[in-house]
């Protein structure tokens, strides 16, 4: 759980997780996230890598695209609570 709080100490990572939660039925690509957040891909890739290495999100490659989704149940619950209140 401590890993999760360290990851969530960054506002951009919270926004990324909110986007992933909103799109949990259909995982989204790096390009989708970058466009919606208006963030450069280098910065975004750093955040995604850190979250993936800590087991918060998962990535699946399909062709040239990498699709991301939330892997950690606690992260999903936490982001849901943020959005509700």
C-alpha atoms as a PDB file:
ATOM      1  CA  UNK A   1       0.000   0.000   0.000  1.00  0.00           C
ATOM      2  CA  UNK A   2       2.922   2.342   0.694  1.00  0.00           C
ATOM      3  CA  UNK A   3       4.057   1.961  -2.937  1.00  0.00           C
ATOM      4  CA  UNK A   4       0.632   3.105  -4.081  1.00  0.00           C
ATOM      5  CA  UNK A   5       0.777   6.266  -1.955  1.00  0.00           C
ATOM      6  CA  UNK A   6       4.251   7.088  -3.237  1.00  0.00           C
ATOM      7  CA  UNK A   7       2.995   6.737  -6.807  1.00  0.00           C
ATOM      8  CA  UNK A   8      -0.073   8.868  -6.056  1.00  0.00           C
ATOM      9  CA  UNK A   9       2.058  11.663  -4.611  1.00  0.00           C
ATOM     10  CA  UNK A  10       2.227  13.099  -8.143  1.00  0.00           C
ATOM     11  CA  UNK A  11      -0.811  14.925  -9.599  1.00  0.00           C
ATOM     12  CA  UNK A  12      -0.044  13.767 -13.158  1.00  0.00           C
ATOM     13  CA  UNK A  13      -0.070  10.129 -12.095  1.00  0.00           C
ATOM     14  CA  UNK A  14      -3.438  10.620 -10.393  1.00  0.00           C
ATOM     15  CA  UNK A  15      -4.787  12.148 -13.613  1.00  0.00           C
ATOM     16  CA  UNK A  16      -3.414   9.224 -15.627  1.00  0.00           C
ATOM     17  CA  UNK A  17      -5.113   6.747 -13.301  1.00  0.00           C
ATOM     18  CA  UNK A  18      -8.381   8.712 -13.522  1.00  0.00           C
ATOM     19  CA  UNK A  19      -8.239   8.453 -17.320  1.00  0.00           C
ATOM     20  CA  UNK A  20      -7.503   4.747 -17.136  1.00  0.00           C
ATOM     21  CA  UNK A  21     -10.389   4.217 -14.724  1.00  0.00           C
ATOM     22  CA  UNK A  22     -12.776   6.156 -16.982  1.00  0.00           C
ATOM     23  CA  UNK A  23     -11.711   3.940 -19.873  1.00  0.00           C
ATOM     24  CA  UNK A  24     -11.398   0.623 -18.041  1.00  0.00           C
ATOM     25  CA  UNK A  25     -13.713  -1.149 -20.514  1.00  0.00           C
ATOM     26  CA  UNK A  26     -11.348  -0.232 -23.345  1.00  0.00           C
ATOM     27  CA  UNK A  27      -7.658   0.245 -22.458  1.00  0.00           C
ATOM     28  CA  UNK A  28      -6.170   3.400 -23.976  1.00  0.00           C
ATOM     29  CA  UNK A  29      -2.876   4.159 -25.697  1.00  0.00           C
ATOM     30  CA  UNK A  30      -0.047   6.495 -24.755  1.00  0.00           C
ATOM     31  CA  UNK A  31      -1.164   8.830 -27.550  1.00  0.00           C
ATOM     32  CA  UNK A  32      -4.718   8.942 -26.152  1.00  0.00           C
ATOM     33  CA  UNK A  33      -3.458   9.781 -22.677  1.00  0.00           C
ATOM     34  CA  UNK A  34      -0.984  12.401 -23.960  1.00  0.00           C
ATOM     35  CA  UNK A  35      -3.678  14.151 -25.994  1.00  0.00           C
ATOM     36  CA  UNK A  36      -6.220  14.193 -23.180  1.00  0.00           C
ATOM     37  CA  UNK A  37      -3.720  15.433 -20.611  1.00  0.00           C
ATOM     38  CA  UNK A  38      -1.807  17.799 -22.888  1.00  0.00           C
ATOM     39  CA  UNK A  39       1.489  16.315 -21.663  1.00  0.00           C
ATOM     40  CA  UNK A  40       4.550  15.391 -23.730  1.00  0.00           C
ATOM     41  CA  UNK A  41       5.152  11.714 -24.384  1.00  0.00           C
ATOM     42  CA  UNK A  42       8.548  11.645 -22.702  1.00  0.00           C
ATOM     43  CA  UNK A  43       7.142  12.801 -19.378  1.00  0.00           C
ATOM     44  CA  UNK A  44       4.132  10.549 -19.776  1.00  0.00           C
ATOM     45  CA  UNK A  45       6.295   7.517 -20.543  1.00  0.00           C
ATOM     46  CA  UNK A  46       8.294   8.141 -17.372  1.00  0.00           C
ATOM     47  CA  UNK A  47       5.110   8.166 -15.280  1.00  0.00           C
ATOM     48  CA  UNK A  48       3.700   5.071 -17.017  1.00  0.00           C
ATOM     49  CA  UNK A  49       6.950   3.163 -16.578  1.00  0.00           C
ATOM     50  CA  UNK A  50       7.096   3.962 -12.875  1.00  0.00           C
ATOM     51  CA  UNK A  51       3.501   2.849 -12.350  1.00  0.00           C
ATOM     52  CA  UNK A  52       3.987  -0.312 -14.414  1.00  0.00           C
ATOM     53  CA  UNK A  53       7.179  -1.256 -12.548  1.00  0.00           C
ATOM     54  CA  UNK A  54       5.297  -0.882  -9.246  1.00  0.00           C
ATOM     55  CA  UNK A  55       2.387  -3.064 -10.368  1.00  0.00           C
ATOM     56  CA  UNK A  56      -0.178  -0.249 -10.436  1.00  0.00           C
ATOM     57  CA  UNK A  57      -0.936  -0.481 -14.153  1.00  0.00           C
ATOM     58  CA  UNK A  58      -0.430  -3.062 -16.865  1.00  0.00           C
ATOM     59  CA  UNK A  59       0.484  -2.686 -20.514  1.00  0.00           C
ATOM     60  CA  UNK A  60      -0.426  -4.783 -23.501  1.00  0.00           C
ATOM     61  CA  UNK A  61       1.077  -4.305 -26.926  1.00  0.00           C
ATOM     62  CA  UNK A  62      -1.082  -4.697 -30.005  1.00  0.00           C
ATOM     63  CA  UNK A  63       0.687  -3.957 -33.256  1.00  0.00           C
ATOM     64  CA  UNK A  64       2.488  -0.650 -32.871  1.00  0.00           C
ATOM     65  CA  UNK A  65       0.341   0.508 -29.958  1.00  0.00           C
ATOM     66  CA  UNK A  66       0.779  -0.060 -26.253  1.00  0.00           C
ATOM     67  CA  UNK A  67      -2.516  -0.139 -24.340  1.00  0.00           C
ATOM     68  CA  UNK A  68      -2.670   0.648 -20.631  1.00  0.00           C
ATOM     69  CA  UNK A  69      -5.114  -0.279 -17.902  1.00  0.00           C
ATOM     70  CA  UNK A  70      -5.180  -0.313 -14.090  1.00  0.00           C
ATOM     71  CA  UNK A  71      -3.930  -3.539 -12.552  1.00  0.00           C
ATOM     72  CA  UNK A  72      -3.980  -2.751  -8.815  1.00  0.00           C
ATOM     73  CA  UNK A  73      -7.402  -3.102  -7.148  1.00  0.00           C
ATOM     74  CA  UNK A  74      -6.436  -0.663  -4.373  1.00  0.00           C
ATOM     75  CA  UNK A  75      -5.517   1.973  -6.962  1.00  0.00           C
ATOM     76  CA  UNK A  76      -8.934   1.537  -8.592  1.00  0.00           C
ATOM     77  CA  UNK A  77     -10.691   1.918  -5.240  1.00  0.00           C
ATOM     78  CA  UNK A  78      -8.626   4.968  -4.292  1.00  0.00           C
ATOM     79  CA  UNK A  79      -9.216   6.761  -7.599  1.00  0.00           C
ATOM     80  CA  UNK A  80     -12.938   5.940  -7.393  1.00  0.00           C
ATOM     81  CA  UNK A  81     -13.076   7.498  -3.925  1.00  0.00           C
ATOM     82  CA  UNK A  82     -11.312  10.643  -5.177  1.00  0.00           C
ATOM     83  CA  UNK A  83     -13.804  11.024  -7.997  1.00  0.00           C
ATOM     84  CA  UNK A  84     -16.820  10.554  -5.726  1.00  0.00           C
ATOM     85  CA  UNK A  85     -15.864  13.041  -3.140  1.00  0.00           C
END
